N, C-alpha and C. Protein backbone atom coordinates (compact mmCIF):
# COMPACT_ATOMS: atom_id res chain seq x y z
N MET A 1 145.34 94.14 145.78
CA MET A 1 147.12 94.50 145.70
C MET A 1 146.72 95.07 143.59
N THR A 2 146.87 96.50 143.49
CA THR A 2 146.83 97.38 141.93
C THR A 2 147.98 96.51 141.95
N THR A 3 147.59 96.42 140.66
CA THR A 3 149.09 96.24 139.04
C THR A 3 150.09 97.12 139.08
N GLU A 4 149.61 98.34 140.09
CA GLU A 4 151.61 99.13 140.00
C GLU A 4 152.08 98.58 141.50
N GLU A 5 151.36 97.95 142.49
CA GLU A 5 151.98 97.56 143.40
C GLU A 5 152.89 95.58 142.97
N ILE A 6 151.61 95.43 142.07
CA ILE A 6 152.45 93.90 141.66
C ILE A 6 153.32 94.09 141.12
N ARG A 7 153.69 95.53 139.94
CA ARG A 7 154.84 95.54 139.74
C ARG A 7 155.50 95.88 140.69
N LEU A 8 155.76 96.44 141.23
CA LEU A 8 156.68 97.19 142.10
C LEU A 8 157.85 95.41 142.61
N LEU A 9 156.42 94.89 143.56
CA LEU A 9 157.46 93.64 143.82
C LEU A 9 158.01 92.89 143.29
N ILE A 10 157.59 92.79 141.42
CA ILE A 10 158.66 92.15 140.47
C ILE A 10 159.92 92.49 140.49
N ILE A 11 159.34 94.02 140.40
CA ILE A 11 160.38 95.33 140.17
C ILE A 11 161.39 94.88 142.15
N ASN A 12 161.11 94.71 142.87
CA ASN A 12 162.16 95.04 144.26
C ASN A 12 162.19 92.57 144.16
N ASP A 13 162.03 92.02 143.64
CA ASP A 13 162.06 90.51 143.77
C ASP A 13 160.96 89.49 145.12
N SER A 14 160.26 90.42 145.15
CA SER A 14 159.30 90.18 146.73
C SER A 14 157.86 89.68 145.80
N ILE A 15 158.20 88.86 145.13
CA ILE A 15 156.50 88.12 144.03
C ILE A 15 155.62 87.74 145.07
N ASP A 16 157.03 87.25 146.06
CA ASP A 16 156.52 85.71 147.05
C ASP A 16 155.32 87.15 148.27
N LYS A 17 155.45 88.04 148.42
CA LYS A 17 154.52 88.91 149.36
C LYS A 17 152.94 88.89 148.15
N PHE A 18 153.11 88.73 146.72
CA PHE A 18 152.35 88.57 146.40
C PHE A 18 151.25 87.07 146.71
N TYR A 19 152.09 86.16 145.86
CA TYR A 19 151.03 84.93 146.73
C TYR A 19 150.59 84.58 147.83
N ASN A 20 150.90 84.84 149.14
CA ASN A 20 150.19 85.49 150.24
C ASN A 20 149.25 86.54 150.98
N ARG A 21 148.95 87.04 149.94
CA ARG A 21 148.13 87.06 150.34
C ARG A 21 146.65 86.58 150.38
N GLY A 22 146.09 87.65 151.28
CA GLY A 22 144.37 86.34 150.93
C GLY A 22 143.55 86.64 150.25
N ALA A 23 143.52 87.58 148.86
CA ALA A 23 143.46 87.57 147.42
C ALA A 23 143.81 87.15 147.25
N TRP A 24 144.57 86.74 146.60
CA TRP A 24 145.29 85.95 146.54
C TRP A 24 144.47 84.55 146.00
N ARG A 25 145.41 83.61 147.91
CA ARG A 25 144.54 82.75 148.20
C ARG A 25 142.99 82.36 147.35
N ARG A 26 142.10 83.22 147.90
CA ARG A 26 141.05 82.50 147.68
C ARG A 26 140.82 82.54 146.44
N LYS A 27 141.21 83.56 145.50
CA LYS A 27 141.21 83.82 144.19
C LYS A 27 141.48 82.33 143.20
N SER A 28 142.56 82.18 144.17
CA SER A 28 143.24 80.30 143.88
C SER A 28 142.91 79.13 144.17
N LYS A 29 141.68 79.15 145.24
CA LYS A 29 140.86 78.25 146.07
C LYS A 29 138.79 78.14 145.02
N GLU A 30 139.13 79.42 144.15
CA GLU A 30 138.81 79.78 143.70
C GLU A 30 138.41 78.77 142.50
N ILE A 31 139.51 79.52 141.96
CA ILE A 31 139.77 78.24 140.25
C ILE A 31 139.87 77.14 140.21
N LEU A 32 140.49 76.97 141.80
CA LEU A 32 140.64 75.04 141.65
C LEU A 32 139.00 74.56 141.67
N LYS A 33 138.36 75.17 142.61
CA LYS A 33 136.95 74.74 142.79
C LYS A 33 136.32 74.83 140.88
N ARG A 34 137.06 75.78 140.51
CA ARG A 34 135.64 76.44 138.80
C ARG A 34 136.54 75.14 138.47
N ASP A 35 137.59 74.67 138.31
CA ASP A 35 137.81 73.47 137.70
C ASP A 35 137.85 71.92 138.34
N ASN A 36 137.55 71.99 138.88
CA ASN A 36 136.81 71.19 140.00
C ASN A 36 138.19 70.02 140.06
N TYR A 37 139.08 70.87 140.46
CA TYR A 37 141.04 70.17 141.18
C TYR A 37 141.15 69.23 140.27
N GLU A 38 140.76 69.60 138.84
CA GLU A 38 141.72 68.45 138.05
C GLU A 38 142.37 69.52 137.14
N CYS A 39 143.64 68.79 137.54
CA CYS A 39 144.60 69.58 136.11
C CYS A 39 144.25 70.32 134.49
N GLN A 40 144.10 70.87 134.60
CA GLN A 40 144.01 71.61 133.39
C GLN A 40 144.55 71.17 131.77
N ILE A 41 146.00 71.11 132.66
CA ILE A 41 147.17 69.93 131.00
C ILE A 41 146.67 68.43 130.61
N HIS A 42 147.01 68.23 132.22
CA HIS A 42 145.88 66.64 131.94
C HIS A 42 145.03 65.98 130.53
N LYS A 43 144.17 66.96 131.58
CA LYS A 43 142.98 66.99 130.80
C LYS A 43 142.50 67.29 129.13
N ARG A 44 143.24 68.14 129.47
CA ARG A 44 143.35 68.66 127.59
C ARG A 44 143.96 67.38 126.46
N ARG A 45 144.77 66.37 127.71
CA ARG A 45 145.18 65.43 126.95
C ARG A 45 144.16 64.04 127.11
N GLY A 46 143.25 64.49 127.46
CA GLY A 46 142.43 63.12 128.10
C GLY A 46 142.72 62.30 129.44
N LYS A 47 143.56 62.92 130.06
CA LYS A 47 144.04 62.73 131.77
C LYS A 47 143.67 62.98 132.24
N TYR A 48 144.25 62.11 134.27
CA TYR A 48 143.48 63.27 135.13
C TYR A 48 144.24 62.92 136.07
N ALA A 49 144.92 64.12 136.44
CA ALA A 49 145.72 64.23 137.70
C ALA A 49 145.01 65.42 138.58
N ARG A 50 144.84 64.94 139.79
CA ARG A 50 144.03 66.26 140.88
C ARG A 50 145.53 67.19 140.91
N ALA A 51 144.58 68.10 140.76
CA ALA A 51 145.60 70.16 141.16
C ALA A 51 145.54 70.29 142.47
N ARG A 52 146.87 70.91 142.27
CA ARG A 52 147.00 71.30 143.55
C ARG A 52 147.87 73.41 143.31
N ASN A 53 147.57 73.69 142.42
CA ASN A 53 148.39 75.07 141.69
C ASN A 53 148.05 75.34 140.84
N VAL A 54 147.80 76.54 140.45
CA VAL A 54 146.84 77.80 139.79
C VAL A 54 148.04 78.18 139.30
N HIS A 55 148.16 78.45 138.20
CA HIS A 55 148.76 78.94 136.47
C HIS A 55 148.26 80.22 136.57
N HIS A 56 149.21 80.93 136.20
CA HIS A 56 149.16 81.98 135.32
C HIS A 56 149.58 81.94 134.08
N ILE A 57 148.19 82.07 133.37
CA ILE A 57 148.61 81.27 131.86
C ILE A 57 150.15 82.29 130.93
N LYS A 58 149.64 83.32 130.97
CA LYS A 58 150.49 84.40 130.47
C LYS A 58 150.98 85.96 131.96
N GLU A 59 152.59 84.87 131.77
CA GLU A 59 152.69 85.24 133.75
C GLU A 59 153.05 86.38 134.20
N LEU A 60 152.90 86.31 135.04
CA LEU A 60 152.60 86.83 136.19
C LEU A 60 153.60 88.60 136.09
N LYS A 61 155.40 87.68 136.19
CA LYS A 61 155.76 89.02 136.04
C LYS A 61 155.89 89.84 134.41
N ASP A 62 154.88 89.16 133.45
CA ASP A 62 154.92 90.01 132.55
C ASP A 62 154.09 90.93 132.10
N PHE A 63 152.69 89.73 132.51
CA PHE A 63 151.45 91.33 132.43
C PHE A 63 150.55 90.32 133.81
N PRO A 64 151.53 91.57 135.23
CA PRO A 64 150.94 91.97 136.44
C PRO A 64 149.41 92.16 136.13
N GLU A 65 148.58 93.21 135.10
CA GLU A 65 146.95 93.24 134.53
C GLU A 65 146.08 92.16 134.69
N PHE A 66 146.42 91.06 134.36
CA PHE A 66 145.85 89.57 134.97
C PHE A 66 146.53 88.91 135.76
N ALA A 67 146.69 89.48 136.62
CA ALA A 67 146.78 88.83 138.27
C ALA A 67 145.47 87.68 138.16
N TYR A 68 144.25 89.06 138.65
CA TYR A 68 143.78 88.52 138.75
C TYR A 68 142.87 87.51 137.77
N ASP A 69 142.35 87.87 136.10
CA ASP A 69 141.81 87.39 135.96
C ASP A 69 141.26 85.87 135.68
N ASP A 70 140.34 85.51 135.99
CA ASP A 70 140.08 83.93 135.78
C ASP A 70 140.28 83.26 134.32
N GLU A 71 139.93 84.13 133.30
CA GLU A 71 140.89 83.72 132.13
C GLU A 71 141.86 83.59 131.76
N ASN A 72 142.85 83.99 132.75
CA ASN A 72 144.31 83.73 132.39
C ASN A 72 145.12 82.93 133.58
N LEU A 73 144.19 81.95 134.25
CA LEU A 73 144.69 81.15 135.58
C LEU A 73 143.81 79.73 135.33
N GLU A 74 143.76 78.20 135.44
CA GLU A 74 143.92 77.50 135.47
C GLU A 74 144.78 76.24 136.38
N ALA A 75 143.75 75.51 136.50
CA ALA A 75 144.42 74.23 138.20
C ALA A 75 145.13 73.64 137.04
N VAL A 76 146.18 74.09 138.13
CA VAL A 76 146.87 72.58 137.15
C VAL A 76 147.97 71.41 138.55
N CYS A 77 148.41 70.37 138.22
CA CYS A 77 148.82 70.16 139.26
C CYS A 77 150.17 70.11 139.28
N ILE A 78 151.04 69.53 140.69
CA ILE A 78 152.52 70.08 140.85
C ILE A 78 153.25 69.65 139.78
N ARG A 79 153.59 68.50 139.03
CA ARG A 79 154.73 68.02 138.41
C ARG A 79 154.33 68.66 136.90
N CYS A 80 152.73 69.48 136.08
CA CYS A 80 153.17 70.98 135.42
C CYS A 80 153.21 71.99 135.73
N HIS A 81 153.01 72.21 136.60
CA HIS A 81 153.48 73.50 137.17
C HIS A 81 155.32 73.60 137.24
N ASN A 82 155.85 72.12 137.67
CA ASN A 82 157.37 72.16 137.49
C ASN A 82 157.75 72.46 136.40
N GLU A 83 156.96 71.78 135.74
CA GLU A 83 157.25 71.55 133.62
C GLU A 83 157.07 72.91 133.21
N LEU A 84 156.32 73.85 133.92
CA LEU A 84 156.33 75.03 133.04
C LEU A 84 156.83 76.42 133.29
N HIS A 85 157.55 76.34 134.55
CA HIS A 85 158.48 76.74 135.42
C HIS A 85 159.59 75.90 135.40
N PRO A 86 160.09 75.31 134.55
CA PRO A 86 161.61 74.67 135.24
C PRO A 86 162.41 75.61 136.71
N GLU A 87 162.24 77.10 135.64
CA GLU A 87 163.90 78.41 136.17
C GLU A 87 163.67 77.87 137.59
N LYS A 88 162.29 77.80 138.13
CA LYS A 88 161.64 77.95 139.86
C LYS A 88 162.19 76.84 140.51
N LEU A 89 163.53 75.81 139.54
CA LEU A 89 163.92 74.50 140.36
C LEU A 89 164.97 75.22 140.68
N GLU A 90 165.23 76.01 139.61
CA GLU A 90 167.02 76.39 139.75
C GLU A 90 167.59 76.51 140.84
N ARG A 91 166.57 76.90 141.74
CA ARG A 91 167.53 77.60 143.19
C ARG A 91 167.74 76.17 144.32
N PHE A 92 166.62 75.29 143.87
CA PHE A 92 166.59 73.97 143.88
C PHE A 92 167.50 73.07 144.28
N ARG A 93 168.36 72.64 143.22
CA ARG A 93 169.25 72.21 142.45
C ARG A 93 170.64 72.64 143.03
N LYS A 94 171.25 71.36 143.15
CA LYS A 94 172.44 71.49 143.82
C LYS A 94 173.85 72.25 142.74
N LYS A 95 174.25 73.15 142.88
CA LYS A 95 175.62 72.72 142.56
C LYS A 95 176.50 72.18 141.92
N GLU A 96 176.74 71.23 140.58
CA GLU A 96 178.70 70.58 140.51
C GLU A 96 179.30 71.40 140.33
N LYS A 97 180.29 71.11 140.54
CA LYS A 97 181.38 71.16 141.02
C LYS A 97 182.53 70.98 139.35
N GLU A 98 182.74 72.36 139.09
CA GLU A 98 183.92 71.89 137.82
C GLU A 98 184.51 70.57 138.20
N PHE A 99 184.33 69.38 137.28
CA PHE A 99 185.54 68.63 137.68
C PHE A 99 186.79 69.32 136.14
N ILE A 100 187.60 69.47 137.21
CA ILE A 100 188.97 69.49 137.12
C ILE A 100 189.90 68.41 136.63
N ASN A 101 190.21 67.86 135.50
CA ASN A 101 191.37 66.70 135.37
C ASN A 101 192.61 66.72 135.37
N GLU A 102 193.09 67.05 136.62
CA GLU A 102 194.58 67.11 136.79
C GLU A 102 194.76 65.84 135.99
N GLU A 103 196.11 65.95 135.01
CA GLU A 103 196.48 64.76 134.85
C GLU A 103 198.40 64.97 135.82
N ARG A 104 198.03 63.77 136.52
CA ARG A 104 199.40 63.18 136.80
C ARG A 104 200.06 61.81 136.37
N TRP A 105 202.00 62.78 136.41
CA TRP A 105 202.28 61.79 135.26
C TRP A 105 203.67 60.78 136.13
């Protein structure tokens, strides 16, 4: 997939099509294997967690030209990936209704 094709997916809010392609799946498996399935964030802290995600260090939406660049990819655990991208969790959170205090005399 070319950089221009990735840009179009980003513009059309269809980036899931990038992540569902075989090229990305192969690349992510390669990165997980390279990093020994260890979360690189935990590893930098002297700890261990099993990695299941591959993170774009420079975000894909801002730097699509680095989409498949090995130096821009690192294996991370799900927890760290969620901490790196809290905005992606917003769509799963329930919207709480604003409390309206009705005064009753």
